[in-house]
Amino acid sequence: MTFTSPLKPSPEPRTVAPERLALAEWLDFHRAELLAKVDGLDDEQADRRVVPSLNTLHGLVRHLAKVEHVWFVTVLLGSDEPAPFGFPDRRDGDFLLDDGATLEQDVTRFLAACERSRAIYEQLDLDDVGVHRRIGEVDVRWVMLHMLEEYAQHNGHADILRELIDGTTQS
């Protein structure tokens, strides 16, 4: 069975917007772009390793679900709720794909993580501060910019992986 992204087409961020809205719209744009990279693939294709690292398209979906949890739930909300895939104790648990979860199941987890992140973001001001276990204090604005960086980097990886899997390129 092939995956169909529930977020297509990607929302276009406004070209002029207040800072808070612009950050949220750009992050949603990148979230949708990630799922567009796996649109039309089956589990075998999404799980296929086409580069020497553990990177797969399915693994990137899982990784970004974990990243959403770490930055919004752990850092900004201050919760000690365990992160998915055994992080931080289990190295690369998000990329190992050894728990039997399908792409569809992990996309559902990813979408729930994104929705929760949005709800947390709505409760906070850009100047509110959370604490990261390694780097210390960060404000909400910094987290949003970091999330944009994280998604942009991994969406670039996803472009390459997708092209290596079936030749599909996206503009």
N, C-alpha and C. Protein backbone atom coordinates (compact mmCIF):
# COMPACT_ATOMS: atom_id res chain seq x y z
N MET A 1 0.84 -1.18 0.00
CA MET A 1 0.00 0.00 0.00
C MET A 1 0.89 1.25 0.00
N THR A 2 0.56 2.20 -0.83
CA THR A 2 1.36 3.42 -0.89
C THR A 2 0.80 4.48 0.05
N PHE A 3 1.70 5.29 0.54
CA PHE A 3 1.36 6.36 1.47
C PHE A 3 0.88 7.58 0.68
N THR A 4 -0.16 8.23 1.20
CA THR A 4 -0.65 9.49 0.67
C THR A 4 -0.60 10.52 1.79
N SER A 5 0.12 11.59 1.56
CA SER A 5 0.26 12.62 2.60
C SER A 5 -1.06 13.32 2.87
N PRO A 6 -1.45 13.39 4.16
CA PRO A 6 -2.67 14.12 4.50
C PRO A 6 -2.45 15.64 4.49
N LEU A 7 -1.22 16.09 4.31
CA LEU A 7 -0.92 17.52 4.37
C LEU A 7 -0.73 18.16 3.00
N LYS A 8 -0.98 17.42 1.92
CA LYS A 8 -0.82 18.01 0.59
C LYS A 8 -2.02 18.85 0.24
N PRO A 9 -1.87 19.89 -0.55
CA PRO A 9 -0.60 20.48 -0.95
C PRO A 9 0.02 21.28 0.19
N SER A 10 1.30 21.52 0.08
CA SER A 10 1.98 22.28 1.13
C SER A 10 1.39 23.67 1.25
N PRO A 11 1.11 24.10 2.48
CA PRO A 11 0.61 25.47 2.64
C PRO A 11 1.71 26.47 2.28
N GLU A 12 1.35 27.50 1.58
CA GLU A 12 2.32 28.53 1.21
C GLU A 12 2.38 29.60 2.31
N PRO A 13 3.53 29.78 2.94
CA PRO A 13 3.63 30.83 3.96
C PRO A 13 3.44 32.22 3.33
N ARG A 14 2.87 33.11 4.12
CA ARG A 14 2.69 34.49 3.65
C ARG A 14 4.05 35.14 3.43
N THR A 15 4.12 36.04 2.51
CA THR A 15 5.37 36.76 2.26
C THR A 15 5.54 37.95 3.18
N VAL A 16 4.44 38.40 3.76
CA VAL A 16 4.47 39.47 4.76
C VAL A 16 3.56 39.03 5.90
N ALA A 17 4.15 38.90 7.10
CA ALA A 17 3.37 38.44 8.25
C ALA A 17 4.07 38.85 9.54
N PRO A 18 3.32 38.98 10.63
CA PRO A 18 3.96 39.22 11.92
C PRO A 18 4.88 38.04 12.26
N GLU A 19 5.90 38.31 13.05
CA GLU A 19 6.93 37.32 13.36
C GLU A 19 6.36 35.99 13.84
N ARG A 20 5.51 36.02 14.81
CA ARG A 20 4.96 34.79 15.40
C ARG A 20 4.22 33.94 14.36
N LEU A 21 3.40 34.59 13.55
CA LEU A 21 2.67 33.89 12.51
C LEU A 21 3.61 33.36 11.42
N ALA A 22 4.58 34.17 11.03
CA ALA A 22 5.54 33.75 10.00
C ALA A 22 6.30 32.50 10.45
N LEU A 23 6.75 32.49 11.69
CA LEU A 23 7.47 31.32 12.20
C LEU A 23 6.59 30.07 12.16
N ALA A 24 5.35 30.21 12.60
CA ALA A 24 4.43 29.07 12.63
C ALA A 24 4.11 28.58 11.21
N GLU A 25 3.85 29.52 10.30
CA GLU A 25 3.53 29.11 8.93
C GLU A 25 4.71 28.45 8.23
N TRP A 26 5.90 28.98 8.42
CA TRP A 26 7.07 28.35 7.80
C TRP A 26 7.34 26.97 8.37
N LEU A 27 7.13 26.80 9.67
CA LEU A 27 7.33 25.47 10.25
C LEU A 27 6.30 24.49 9.71
N ASP A 28 5.04 24.91 9.60
CA ASP A 28 4.02 24.03 9.01
C ASP A 28 4.33 23.72 7.55
N PHE A 29 4.86 24.68 6.83
CA PHE A 29 5.26 24.45 5.44
C PHE A 29 6.30 23.33 5.37
N HIS A 30 7.31 23.40 6.23
CA HIS A 30 8.36 22.38 6.22
C HIS A 30 7.86 21.02 6.71
N ARG A 31 6.93 21.02 7.65
CA ARG A 31 6.33 19.75 8.09
C ARG A 31 5.63 19.07 6.92
N ALA A 32 4.86 19.85 6.17
CA ALA A 32 4.15 19.30 5.01
C ALA A 32 5.13 18.85 3.93
N GLU A 33 6.20 19.59 3.74
CA GLU A 33 7.22 19.22 2.76
C GLU A 33 7.83 17.86 3.09
N LEU A 34 8.06 17.59 4.36
CA LEU A 34 8.62 16.30 4.75
C LEU A 34 7.70 15.17 4.30
N LEU A 35 6.42 15.31 4.57
CA LEU A 35 5.49 14.24 4.19
C LEU A 35 5.32 14.15 2.68
N ALA A 36 5.50 15.26 1.97
CA ALA A 36 5.44 15.21 0.50
C ALA A 36 6.57 14.34 -0.06
N LYS A 37 7.68 14.25 0.67
CA LYS A 37 8.82 13.44 0.20
C LYS A 37 8.51 11.95 0.24
N VAL A 38 7.60 11.52 1.09
CA VAL A 38 7.25 10.09 1.17
C VAL A 38 5.94 9.77 0.47
N ASP A 39 5.28 10.79 -0.06
CA ASP A 39 4.01 10.60 -0.76
C ASP A 39 4.21 9.65 -1.94
N GLY A 40 3.37 8.63 -2.03
CA GLY A 40 3.42 7.69 -3.14
C GLY A 40 4.34 6.51 -2.95
N LEU A 41 5.04 6.45 -1.81
CA LEU A 41 5.94 5.33 -1.54
C LEU A 41 5.25 4.28 -0.69
N ASP A 42 5.70 3.03 -0.81
CA ASP A 42 5.24 1.98 0.09
C ASP A 42 6.25 1.84 1.23
N ASP A 43 5.94 0.98 2.20
CA ASP A 43 6.81 0.83 3.36
C ASP A 43 8.22 0.40 2.97
N GLU A 44 8.34 -0.52 2.03
CA GLU A 44 9.67 -1.00 1.63
C GLU A 44 10.50 0.14 1.07
N GLN A 45 9.91 0.96 0.23
CA GLN A 45 10.64 2.09 -0.35
C GLN A 45 11.02 3.11 0.73
N ALA A 46 10.08 3.43 1.61
CA ALA A 46 10.34 4.42 2.66
C ALA A 46 11.39 3.93 3.65
N ASP A 47 11.50 2.61 3.81
CA ASP A 47 12.47 2.02 4.74
C ASP A 47 13.83 1.75 4.08
N ARG A 48 13.91 1.88 2.77
CA ARG A 48 15.11 1.50 2.03
C ARG A 48 16.29 2.41 2.36
N ARG A 49 17.43 1.78 2.64
CA ARG A 49 18.67 2.53 2.88
C ARG A 49 19.41 2.63 1.55
N VAL A 50 19.56 3.87 1.08
CA VAL A 50 20.22 4.10 -0.20
C VAL A 50 21.51 4.89 -0.05
N VAL A 51 21.87 5.20 1.19
CA VAL A 51 23.14 5.85 1.52
C VAL A 51 23.77 5.05 2.67
N PRO A 52 25.07 5.18 2.87
CA PRO A 52 25.73 4.37 3.91
C PRO A 52 25.24 4.60 5.34
N SER A 53 24.70 5.78 5.64
CA SER A 53 24.22 6.06 6.99
C SER A 53 22.89 5.35 7.24
N LEU A 54 22.34 5.54 8.42
CA LEU A 54 21.05 4.96 8.77
C LEU A 54 19.87 5.73 8.16
N ASN A 55 20.14 6.84 7.47
CA ASN A 55 19.07 7.69 6.94
C ASN A 55 18.15 6.94 5.98
N THR A 56 16.87 7.00 6.26
CA THR A 56 15.82 6.55 5.36
C THR A 56 14.71 7.60 5.44
N LEU A 57 13.82 7.58 4.48
CA LEU A 57 12.70 8.52 4.55
C LEU A 57 11.82 8.24 5.76
N HIS A 58 11.56 6.96 6.02
CA HIS A 58 10.77 6.59 7.20
C HIS A 58 11.49 7.05 8.47
N GLY A 59 12.80 6.84 8.53
CA GLY A 59 13.58 7.26 9.68
C GLY A 59 13.53 8.76 9.90
N LEU A 60 13.52 9.53 8.81
CA LEU A 60 13.43 10.98 8.95
C LEU A 60 12.09 11.40 9.55
N VAL A 61 11.00 10.73 9.17
CA VAL A 61 9.69 11.03 9.76
C VAL A 61 9.75 10.76 11.27
N ARG A 62 10.32 9.62 11.64
CA ARG A 62 10.44 9.28 13.06
C ARG A 62 11.34 10.27 13.79
N HIS A 63 12.47 10.61 13.16
CA HIS A 63 13.42 11.53 13.77
C HIS A 63 12.76 12.88 14.05
N LEU A 64 12.00 13.39 13.09
CA LEU A 64 11.38 14.69 13.30
C LEU A 64 10.24 14.64 14.28
N ALA A 65 9.58 13.49 14.43
CA ALA A 65 8.59 13.33 15.51
C ALA A 65 9.30 13.43 16.86
N LYS A 66 10.47 12.81 16.95
CA LYS A 66 11.27 12.89 18.19
C LYS A 66 11.73 14.32 18.44
N VAL A 67 12.20 14.99 17.41
CA VAL A 67 12.68 16.36 17.53
C VAL A 67 11.56 17.28 18.00
N GLU A 68 10.37 17.12 17.43
CA GLU A 68 9.21 17.91 17.89
C GLU A 68 9.01 17.71 19.39
N HIS A 69 9.06 16.45 19.83
CA HIS A 69 8.86 16.15 21.25
C HIS A 69 9.94 16.81 22.11
N VAL A 70 11.20 16.63 21.73
CA VAL A 70 12.30 17.14 22.54
C VAL A 70 12.19 18.65 22.71
N TRP A 71 12.01 19.38 21.60
CA TRP A 71 12.06 20.84 21.70
C TRP A 71 10.79 21.44 22.29
N PHE A 72 9.64 20.90 21.96
CA PHE A 72 8.41 21.51 22.46
C PHE A 72 7.98 20.94 23.81
N VAL A 73 7.95 19.63 23.94
CA VAL A 73 7.46 19.00 25.18
C VAL A 73 8.51 19.07 26.27
N THR A 74 9.73 18.63 25.96
CA THR A 74 10.78 18.58 26.98
C THR A 74 11.33 19.96 27.31
N VAL A 75 11.77 20.68 26.29
CA VAL A 75 12.45 21.96 26.53
C VAL A 75 11.46 23.08 26.87
N LEU A 76 10.47 23.31 26.03
CA LEU A 76 9.58 24.45 26.25
C LEU A 76 8.51 24.19 27.30
N LEU A 77 7.93 22.99 27.30
CA LEU A 77 6.90 22.68 28.29
C LEU A 77 7.52 22.27 29.63
N GLY A 78 8.76 21.78 29.58
CA GLY A 78 9.43 21.36 30.81
C GLY A 78 8.98 20.01 31.32
N SER A 79 8.41 19.19 30.46
CA SER A 79 7.91 17.88 30.87
C SER A 79 9.03 16.84 30.88
N ASP A 80 8.94 15.89 31.80
CA ASP A 80 9.90 14.78 31.82
C ASP A 80 9.33 13.54 31.15
N GLU A 81 8.25 13.72 30.38
CA GLU A 81 7.66 12.63 29.62
C GLU A 81 8.71 12.05 28.66
N PRO A 82 8.84 10.73 28.62
CA PRO A 82 9.88 10.13 27.77
C PRO A 82 9.70 10.48 26.29
N ALA A 83 10.80 10.73 25.64
CA ALA A 83 10.78 10.99 24.19
C ALA A 83 10.60 9.67 23.46
N PRO A 84 10.07 9.73 22.24
CA PRO A 84 9.88 8.49 21.48
C PRO A 84 11.21 7.84 21.07
N PHE A 85 11.12 6.55 20.81
CA PHE A 85 12.21 5.75 20.26
C PHE A 85 13.40 5.62 21.22
N GLY A 86 13.13 5.79 22.52
CA GLY A 86 14.14 5.55 23.54
C GLY A 86 15.15 6.66 23.73
N PHE A 87 14.94 7.80 23.09
CA PHE A 87 15.87 8.92 23.23
C PHE A 87 15.83 9.46 24.65
N PRO A 88 16.96 9.81 25.26
CA PRO A 88 18.32 9.87 24.74
C PRO A 88 19.13 8.59 24.99
N ASP A 89 18.55 7.62 25.69
CA ASP A 89 19.31 6.43 26.06
C ASP A 89 19.61 5.51 24.89
N ARG A 90 18.71 5.44 23.94
CA ARG A 90 18.88 4.54 22.80
C ARG A 90 19.35 5.34 21.59
N ARG A 91 20.59 5.23 21.28
CA ARG A 91 21.18 5.99 20.18
C ARG A 91 20.56 5.55 18.84
N ASP A 92 20.11 6.52 18.07
CA ASP A 92 19.55 6.28 16.74
C ASP A 92 18.30 5.41 16.73
N GLY A 93 17.59 5.32 17.84
CA GLY A 93 16.38 4.52 17.89
C GLY A 93 15.36 4.94 16.86
N ASP A 94 15.34 6.22 16.51
CA ASP A 94 14.41 6.71 15.51
C ASP A 94 14.77 6.22 14.11
N PHE A 95 16.03 5.99 13.83
CA PHE A 95 16.48 5.56 12.51
C PHE A 95 16.62 4.05 12.38
N LEU A 96 16.58 3.32 13.48
CA LEU A 96 16.83 1.88 13.40
C LEU A 96 15.66 1.09 12.79
N LEU A 97 14.45 1.58 12.92
CA LEU A 97 13.26 0.95 12.32
C LEU A 97 13.12 -0.51 12.71
N ASP A 98 13.47 -0.83 13.95
CA ASP A 98 13.45 -2.24 14.39
C ASP A 98 12.29 -2.56 15.32
N ASP A 99 11.33 -1.65 15.42
CA ASP A 99 10.20 -1.89 16.32
C ASP A 99 8.94 -2.36 15.59
N GLY A 100 9.03 -2.55 14.27
CA GLY A 100 7.90 -3.06 13.50
C GLY A 100 6.86 -2.03 13.10
N ALA A 101 7.06 -0.77 13.45
CA ALA A 101 6.08 0.27 13.11
C ALA A 101 6.10 0.53 11.60
N THR A 102 4.92 0.69 11.04
CA THR A 102 4.80 1.02 9.63
C THR A 102 4.97 2.52 9.43
N LEU A 103 5.18 2.90 8.19
CA LEU A 103 5.26 4.32 7.87
C LEU A 103 3.96 5.02 8.28
N GLU A 104 2.84 4.41 7.97
CA GLU A 104 1.54 5.02 8.32
C GLU A 104 1.42 5.25 9.83
N GLN A 105 1.86 4.28 10.62
CA GLN A 105 1.80 4.44 12.08
C GLN A 105 2.71 5.57 12.55
N ASP A 106 3.89 5.64 11.96
CA ASP A 106 4.82 6.69 12.38
C ASP A 106 4.43 8.06 11.86
N VAL A 107 3.76 8.12 10.71
CA VAL A 107 3.23 9.40 10.25
C VAL A 107 2.13 9.88 11.21
N THR A 108 1.30 8.96 11.67
CA THR A 108 0.28 9.31 12.65
C THR A 108 0.93 9.86 13.92
N ARG A 109 2.00 9.23 14.36
CA ARG A 109 2.74 9.71 15.54
C ARG A 109 3.34 11.08 15.26
N PHE A 110 3.91 11.26 14.07
CA PHE A 110 4.50 12.54 13.67
C PHE A 110 3.44 13.65 13.67
N LEU A 111 2.28 13.37 13.07
CA LEU A 111 1.22 14.38 13.02
C LEU A 111 0.73 14.75 14.41
N ALA A 112 0.63 13.77 15.30
CA ALA A 112 0.23 14.04 16.68
C ALA A 112 1.28 14.89 17.39
N ALA A 113 2.55 14.60 17.14
CA ALA A 113 3.63 15.40 17.74
C ALA A 113 3.57 16.84 17.23
N CYS A 114 3.31 17.02 15.94
CA CYS A 114 3.21 18.37 15.38
C CYS A 114 2.03 19.12 15.97
N GLU A 115 0.91 18.45 16.11
CA GLU A 115 -0.28 19.08 16.69
C GLU A 115 -0.01 19.50 18.14
N ARG A 116 0.65 18.64 18.87
CA ARG A 116 0.97 18.97 20.26
C ARG A 116 1.94 20.15 20.31
N SER A 117 2.92 20.16 19.42
CA SER A 117 3.86 21.28 19.37
C SER A 117 3.14 22.59 19.08
N ARG A 118 2.20 22.55 18.14
CA ARG A 118 1.42 23.75 17.83
C ARG A 118 0.67 24.25 19.06
N ALA A 119 0.06 23.33 19.80
CA ALA A 119 -0.69 23.70 21.00
C ALA A 119 0.23 24.32 22.06
N ILE A 120 1.41 23.77 22.22
CA ILE A 120 2.38 24.33 23.18
C ILE A 120 2.81 25.72 22.73
N TYR A 121 3.12 25.86 21.45
CA TYR A 121 3.54 27.14 20.90
C TYR A 121 2.47 28.21 21.13
N GLU A 122 1.23 27.86 20.98
CA GLU A 122 0.13 28.81 21.17
C GLU A 122 0.05 29.33 22.60
N GLN A 123 0.53 28.55 23.55
CA GLN A 123 0.47 28.94 24.97
C GLN A 123 1.62 29.87 25.37
N LEU A 124 2.62 29.98 24.53
CA LEU A 124 3.85 30.67 24.93
C LEU A 124 4.07 31.96 24.15
N ASP A 125 4.83 32.87 24.75
CA ASP A 125 5.31 34.07 24.07
C ASP A 125 6.68 33.76 23.48
N LEU A 126 7.05 34.49 22.44
CA LEU A 126 8.35 34.24 21.80
C LEU A 126 9.52 34.45 22.75
N ASP A 127 9.33 35.28 23.77
CA ASP A 127 10.41 35.55 24.73
C ASP A 127 10.43 34.59 25.91
N ASP A 128 9.44 33.68 26.00
CA ASP A 128 9.46 32.68 27.08
C ASP A 128 10.69 31.79 26.91
N VAL A 129 11.17 31.26 28.02
CA VAL A 129 12.43 30.51 28.01
C VAL A 129 12.21 29.09 28.53
N GLY A 130 12.86 28.15 27.87
CA GLY A 130 12.93 26.77 28.33
C GLY A 130 14.39 26.40 28.52
N VAL A 131 14.62 25.20 29.04
CA VAL A 131 15.99 24.77 29.31
C VAL A 131 16.27 23.47 28.58
N HIS A 132 17.33 23.47 27.79
CA HIS A 132 17.81 22.27 27.10
C HIS A 132 18.90 21.65 27.96
N ARG A 133 18.91 20.33 28.05
CA ARG A 133 19.83 19.63 28.96
C ARG A 133 21.31 19.88 28.65
N ARG A 134 21.65 20.17 27.40
CA ARG A 134 23.05 20.40 27.05
C ARG A 134 23.40 21.87 26.85
N ILE A 135 22.49 22.64 26.23
CA ILE A 135 22.87 24.01 25.86
C ILE A 135 22.34 25.08 26.80
N GLY A 136 21.47 24.71 27.71
CA GLY A 136 20.97 25.67 28.68
C GLY A 136 19.71 26.37 28.20
N GLU A 137 19.57 27.65 28.58
CA GLU A 137 18.36 28.40 28.29
C GLU A 137 18.23 28.76 26.81
N VAL A 138 17.01 28.60 26.32
CA VAL A 138 16.67 29.00 24.95
C VAL A 138 15.28 29.61 24.98
N ASP A 139 15.07 30.66 24.18
CA ASP A 139 13.71 31.20 24.13
C ASP A 139 12.91 30.54 23.01
N VAL A 140 11.62 30.77 23.02
CA VAL A 140 10.72 30.15 22.04
C VAL A 140 11.13 30.53 20.62
N ARG A 141 11.51 31.78 20.42
CA ARG A 141 11.94 32.25 19.11
C ARG A 141 13.12 31.41 18.61
N TRP A 142 14.11 31.17 19.48
CA TRP A 142 15.27 30.37 19.12
C TRP A 142 14.85 28.95 18.74
N VAL A 143 13.94 28.37 19.51
CA VAL A 143 13.46 27.01 19.22
C VAL A 143 12.79 26.98 17.86
N MET A 144 11.96 27.95 17.56
CA MET A 144 11.29 27.97 16.26
C MET A 144 12.29 28.10 15.12
N LEU A 145 13.27 28.95 15.28
CA LEU A 145 14.30 29.08 14.24
C LEU A 145 15.11 27.80 14.11
N HIS A 146 15.41 27.18 15.23
CA HIS A 146 16.14 25.91 15.19
C HIS A 146 15.31 24.84 14.49
N MET A 147 14.02 24.80 14.77
CA MET A 147 13.15 23.82 14.12
C MET A 147 13.10 24.04 12.61
N LEU A 148 13.07 25.28 12.18
CA LEU A 148 13.12 25.57 10.74
C LEU A 148 14.43 25.06 10.14
N GLU A 149 15.52 25.29 10.85
CA GLU A 149 16.82 24.79 10.39
C GLU A 149 16.82 23.27 10.32
N GLU A 150 16.29 22.63 11.33
CA GLU A 150 16.25 21.16 11.40
C GLU A 150 15.45 20.59 10.23
N TYR A 151 14.27 21.14 10.00
CA TYR A 151 13.43 20.66 8.89
C TYR A 151 14.07 20.94 7.54
N ALA A 152 14.62 22.13 7.35
CA ALA A 152 15.23 22.47 6.06
C ALA A 152 16.37 21.50 5.75
N GLN A 153 17.20 21.22 6.75
CA GLN A 153 18.31 20.29 6.56
C GLN A 153 17.79 18.90 6.20
N HIS A 154 16.85 18.40 6.96
CA HIS A 154 16.37 17.04 6.73
C HIS A 154 15.49 16.93 5.49
N ASN A 155 14.79 17.99 5.12
CA ASN A 155 14.05 17.95 3.87
C ASN A 155 15.01 17.89 2.68
N GLY A 156 16.16 18.51 2.80
CA GLY A 156 17.19 18.37 1.77
C GLY A 156 17.68 16.93 1.68
N HIS A 157 17.92 16.32 2.84
CA HIS A 157 18.29 14.90 2.85
C HIS A 157 17.19 14.07 2.18
N ALA A 158 15.94 14.38 2.53
CA ALA A 158 14.81 13.62 1.99
C ALA A 158 14.72 13.76 0.47
N ASP A 159 15.02 14.94 -0.06
CA ASP A 159 15.04 15.11 -1.52
C ASP A 159 16.00 14.14 -2.18
N ILE A 160 17.19 14.05 -1.61
CA ILE A 160 18.22 13.16 -2.18
C ILE A 160 17.81 11.70 -2.05
N LEU A 161 17.32 11.32 -0.86
CA LEU A 161 16.89 9.93 -0.66
C LEU A 161 15.79 9.55 -1.64
N ARG A 162 14.81 10.44 -1.80
CA ARG A 162 13.69 10.14 -2.70
C ARG A 162 14.19 9.98 -4.14
N GLU A 163 15.08 10.84 -4.56
CA GLU A 163 15.60 10.73 -5.92
C GLU A 163 16.35 9.42 -6.12
N LEU A 164 17.10 9.00 -5.10
CA LEU A 164 17.83 7.73 -5.20
C LEU A 164 16.88 6.52 -5.19
N ILE A 165 15.74 6.65 -4.53
CA ILE A 165 14.79 5.54 -4.45
C ILE A 165 14.06 5.34 -5.77
N ASP A 166 13.48 6.42 -6.32
CA ASP A 166 12.65 6.21 -7.52
C ASP A 166 12.81 7.28 -8.58
N GLY A 167 13.82 8.15 -8.42
CA GLY A 167 14.07 9.17 -9.43
C GLY A 167 13.21 10.40 -9.31
N THR A 168 12.30 10.44 -8.34
CA THR A 168 11.40 11.59 -8.19
C THR A 168 12.17 12.78 -7.66
N THR A 169 11.98 13.91 -8.31
CA THR A 169 12.54 15.18 -7.84
C THR A 169 11.40 16.16 -7.69
N GLN A 170 11.53 17.07 -6.74
CA GLN A 170 10.52 18.09 -6.50
C GLN A 170 11.18 19.45 -6.55
N SER A 171 10.47 20.42 -7.06
CA SER A 171 11.03 21.77 -7.11
C SER A 171 10.73 22.50 -5.84
